Amino acid sequence: MNNLEVRCYSGHTYAERPESFRWQGLEYLVEEIEETWQEPAKRCFRVRAGDNKRFKLCYNEAEGRWSLTELVRS
């Protein structure tokens, strides 16, 4: 993971929803959260950022860290 930093809204719990993230030296604003779901010990989001780029962001609650996968359209 290339230095991923996520800024998120946290209300009752941490990482309720991502608002922006910095990845590979670029800042991305989350324009839309398309889907949210739970995986074991993870909270995941499919988001749309600028230029219609889509990403899967997951917060691993056990490790206290975020992961990111860029989703490529087929």
N, C-alpha and C. Protein backbone atom coordinates (compact mmCIF):
# COMPACT_ATOMS: atom_id res chain seq x y z
N MET A 1 0.85 -1.18 0.00
CA MET A 1 0.00 0.00 0.00
C MET A 1 0.88 1.23 0.00
N ASN A 2 0.70 2.12 -0.91
CA ASN A 2 1.54 3.30 -1.04
C ASN A 2 1.03 4.45 -0.19
N ASN A 3 1.40 4.46 1.10
CA ASN A 3 1.08 5.57 1.98
C ASN A 3 -0.37 6.04 1.87
N LEU A 4 -1.28 5.23 2.26
CA LEU A 4 -2.69 5.56 2.23
C LEU A 4 -3.07 6.29 3.51
N GLU A 5 -3.67 7.46 3.35
CA GLU A 5 -4.20 8.23 4.47
C GLU A 5 -5.67 8.49 4.18
N VAL A 6 -6.54 8.14 5.10
CA VAL A 6 -7.98 8.32 4.91
C VAL A 6 -8.52 9.29 5.95
N ARG A 7 -9.29 10.27 5.49
CA ARG A 7 -10.02 11.16 6.38
C ARG A 7 -11.46 10.69 6.35
N CYS A 8 -12.01 10.44 7.53
CA CYS A 8 -13.35 9.87 7.57
C CYS A 8 -14.22 10.55 8.62
N TYR A 9 -15.52 10.41 8.45
CA TYR A 9 -16.47 10.86 9.46
C TYR A 9 -16.53 9.79 10.54
N SER A 10 -16.45 10.21 11.78
CA SER A 10 -16.56 9.30 12.90
C SER A 10 -17.55 9.88 13.89
N GLY A 11 -18.65 9.20 14.08
CA GLY A 11 -19.66 9.64 15.03
C GLY A 11 -19.60 8.76 16.27
N HIS A 12 -20.51 7.80 16.35
CA HIS A 12 -20.52 6.87 17.48
C HIS A 12 -19.31 5.95 17.47
N THR A 13 -18.83 5.60 16.27
CA THR A 13 -17.65 4.74 16.14
C THR A 13 -16.71 5.36 15.12
N TYR A 14 -15.44 4.92 15.15
CA TYR A 14 -14.46 5.42 14.18
C TYR A 14 -14.77 4.84 12.80
N ALA A 15 -14.49 5.62 11.78
CA ALA A 15 -14.58 5.19 10.38
C ALA A 15 -16.00 4.83 9.97
N GLU A 16 -16.95 5.72 10.29
CA GLU A 16 -18.33 5.46 9.87
C GLU A 16 -18.48 5.63 8.37
N ARG A 17 -17.74 6.59 7.79
CA ARG A 17 -17.73 6.73 6.33
C ARG A 17 -16.53 7.56 5.90
N PRO A 18 -15.86 7.15 4.83
CA PRO A 18 -14.71 7.91 4.33
C PRO A 18 -15.17 9.18 3.62
N GLU A 19 -14.40 10.25 3.78
CA GLU A 19 -14.72 11.52 3.13
C GLU A 19 -13.69 11.88 2.05
N SER A 20 -12.44 11.53 2.30
CA SER A 20 -11.38 11.75 1.31
C SER A 20 -10.21 10.84 1.68
N PHE A 21 -9.30 10.69 0.71
CA PHE A 21 -8.10 9.90 1.00
C PHE A 21 -6.96 10.38 0.13
N ARG A 22 -5.76 10.16 0.63
CA ARG A 22 -4.53 10.50 -0.09
C ARG A 22 -3.83 9.19 -0.40
N TRP A 23 -3.53 8.98 -1.69
CA TRP A 23 -2.94 7.72 -2.15
C TRP A 23 -2.02 8.02 -3.32
N GLN A 24 -0.85 7.48 -3.30
CA GLN A 24 0.16 7.66 -4.35
C GLN A 24 0.39 9.15 -4.63
N GLY A 25 0.40 9.95 -3.56
CA GLY A 25 0.69 11.37 -3.70
C GLY A 25 -0.47 12.23 -4.19
N LEU A 26 -1.63 11.63 -4.41
CA LEU A 26 -2.79 12.39 -4.89
C LEU A 26 -3.90 12.38 -3.85
N GLU A 27 -4.63 13.49 -3.78
CA GLU A 27 -5.76 13.62 -2.87
C GLU A 27 -7.04 13.33 -3.64
N TYR A 28 -7.87 12.45 -3.10
CA TYR A 28 -9.15 12.09 -3.72
C TYR A 28 -10.29 12.47 -2.78
N LEU A 29 -11.28 13.15 -3.29
CA LEU A 29 -12.49 13.46 -2.54
C LEU A 29 -13.51 12.38 -2.84
N VAL A 30 -14.10 11.80 -1.81
CA VAL A 30 -15.15 10.79 -2.02
C VAL A 30 -16.42 11.53 -2.42
N GLU A 31 -16.83 11.36 -3.67
CA GLU A 31 -18.01 12.04 -4.18
C GLU A 31 -19.28 11.25 -3.88
N GLU A 32 -19.16 9.92 -3.81
CA GLU A 32 -20.32 9.08 -3.53
C GLU A 32 -19.87 7.77 -2.91
N ILE A 33 -20.60 7.34 -1.90
CA ILE A 33 -20.41 5.99 -1.36
C ILE A 33 -21.47 5.13 -2.02
N GLU A 34 -21.04 4.23 -2.88
CA GLU A 34 -21.97 3.42 -3.67
C GLU A 34 -22.48 2.21 -2.92
N GLU A 35 -21.65 1.68 -2.02
CA GLU A 35 -22.04 0.47 -1.29
C GLU A 35 -21.21 0.38 -0.01
N THR A 36 -21.83 -0.13 1.04
CA THR A 36 -21.11 -0.42 2.28
C THR A 36 -21.43 -1.84 2.69
N TRP A 37 -20.48 -2.52 3.31
CA TRP A 37 -20.72 -3.87 3.80
C TRP A 37 -19.70 -4.21 4.87
N GLN A 38 -19.99 -5.26 5.61
CA GLN A 38 -19.11 -5.74 6.67
C GLN A 38 -18.45 -7.04 6.22
N GLU A 39 -17.18 -7.17 6.52
CA GLU A 39 -16.45 -8.42 6.38
C GLU A 39 -15.93 -8.74 7.77
N PRO A 40 -15.44 -9.92 8.04
CA PRO A 40 -14.92 -10.21 9.38
C PRO A 40 -13.88 -9.17 9.82
N ALA A 41 -14.21 -8.43 10.88
CA ALA A 41 -13.35 -7.39 11.48
C ALA A 41 -13.06 -6.22 10.54
N LYS A 42 -13.84 -6.07 9.47
CA LYS A 42 -13.63 -4.98 8.52
C LYS A 42 -14.93 -4.28 8.18
N ARG A 43 -14.82 -2.98 7.93
CA ARG A 43 -15.93 -2.18 7.41
C ARG A 43 -15.47 -1.72 6.03
N CYS A 44 -16.23 -2.06 4.98
CA CYS A 44 -15.81 -1.79 3.60
C CYS A 44 -16.77 -0.85 2.89
N PHE A 45 -16.21 -0.09 1.96
CA PHE A 45 -16.96 0.90 1.20
C PHE A 45 -16.53 0.84 -0.26
N ARG A 46 -17.49 0.85 -1.18
CA ARG A 46 -17.16 1.06 -2.59
C ARG A 46 -17.50 2.52 -2.86
N VAL A 47 -16.49 3.29 -3.24
CA VAL A 47 -16.67 4.73 -3.39
C VAL A 47 -16.32 5.19 -4.80
N ARG A 48 -16.92 6.32 -5.17
CA ARG A 48 -16.59 6.98 -6.43
C ARG A 48 -15.90 8.29 -6.08
N ALA A 49 -14.74 8.51 -6.70
CA ALA A 49 -13.98 9.74 -6.48
C ALA A 49 -13.96 10.52 -7.79
N GLY A 50 -13.11 11.55 -7.86
CA GLY A 50 -13.02 12.37 -9.07
C GLY A 50 -12.71 11.56 -10.31
N ASP A 51 -13.08 12.10 -11.45
CA ASP A 51 -12.88 11.45 -12.76
C ASP A 51 -13.59 10.09 -12.83
N ASN A 52 -14.64 9.92 -12.03
CA ASN A 52 -15.41 8.66 -11.99
C ASN A 52 -14.56 7.45 -11.64
N LYS A 53 -13.45 7.65 -10.94
CA LYS A 53 -12.65 6.52 -10.49
C LYS A 53 -13.36 5.88 -9.31
N ARG A 54 -13.29 4.54 -9.26
CA ARG A 54 -13.94 3.80 -8.18
C ARG A 54 -12.90 3.02 -7.39
N PHE A 55 -13.14 2.95 -6.09
CA PHE A 55 -12.21 2.29 -5.18
C PHE A 55 -12.97 1.50 -4.14
N LYS A 56 -12.33 0.46 -3.65
CA LYS A 56 -12.81 -0.28 -2.48
C LYS A 56 -11.90 0.13 -1.33
N LEU A 57 -12.50 0.75 -0.30
CA LEU A 57 -11.77 1.14 0.91
C LEU A 57 -12.28 0.27 2.04
N CYS A 58 -11.38 -0.33 2.79
CA CYS A 58 -11.76 -1.15 3.94
C CYS A 58 -10.97 -0.71 5.16
N TYR A 59 -11.69 -0.60 6.28
CA TYR A 59 -11.03 -0.31 7.54
C TYR A 59 -10.99 -1.58 8.36
N ASN A 60 -9.79 -2.06 8.66
CA ASN A 60 -9.60 -3.26 9.45
C ASN A 60 -9.59 -2.85 10.92
N GLU A 61 -10.67 -3.17 11.62
CA GLU A 61 -10.82 -2.75 13.01
C GLU A 61 -9.79 -3.40 13.92
N ALA A 62 -9.41 -4.64 13.66
CA ALA A 62 -8.44 -5.36 14.50
C ALA A 62 -7.04 -4.75 14.39
N GLU A 63 -6.66 -4.35 13.16
CA GLU A 63 -5.33 -3.79 12.93
C GLU A 63 -5.29 -2.27 13.01
N GLY A 64 -6.48 -1.65 12.99
CA GLY A 64 -6.54 -0.19 13.04
C GLY A 64 -5.95 0.48 11.81
N ARG A 65 -6.18 -0.15 10.64
CA ARG A 65 -5.61 0.44 9.43
C ARG A 65 -6.53 0.25 8.22
N TRP A 66 -6.35 1.15 7.27
CA TRP A 66 -7.13 1.14 6.03
C TRP A 66 -6.39 0.40 4.93
N SER A 67 -7.18 -0.17 4.00
CA SER A 67 -6.61 -0.74 2.77
C SER A 67 -7.42 -0.20 1.60
N LEU A 68 -6.82 -0.20 0.43
CA LEU A 68 -7.47 0.36 -0.75
C LEU A 68 -7.20 -0.52 -1.96
N THR A 69 -8.23 -0.70 -2.77
CA THR A 69 -8.11 -1.38 -4.06
C THR A 69 -8.76 -0.49 -5.10
N GLU A 70 -8.04 -0.18 -6.18
CA GLU A 70 -8.65 0.58 -7.27
C GLU A 70 -9.46 -0.39 -8.10
N LEU A 71 -10.71 -0.03 -8.39
CA LEU A 71 -11.60 -0.88 -9.17
C LEU A 71 -11.56 -0.42 -10.63
N VAL A 72 -11.27 -1.33 -11.52
CA VAL A 72 -11.17 -1.00 -12.93
C VAL A 72 -12.44 -1.44 -13.61
N ARG A 73 -12.98 -0.54 -14.40
CA ARG A 73 -14.21 -0.88 -15.14
C ARG A 73 -13.90 -1.81 -16.29
N SER A 74 -14.79 -2.77 -16.49
CA SER A 74 -14.57 -3.72 -17.60
C SER A 74 -15.34 -3.30 -18.81
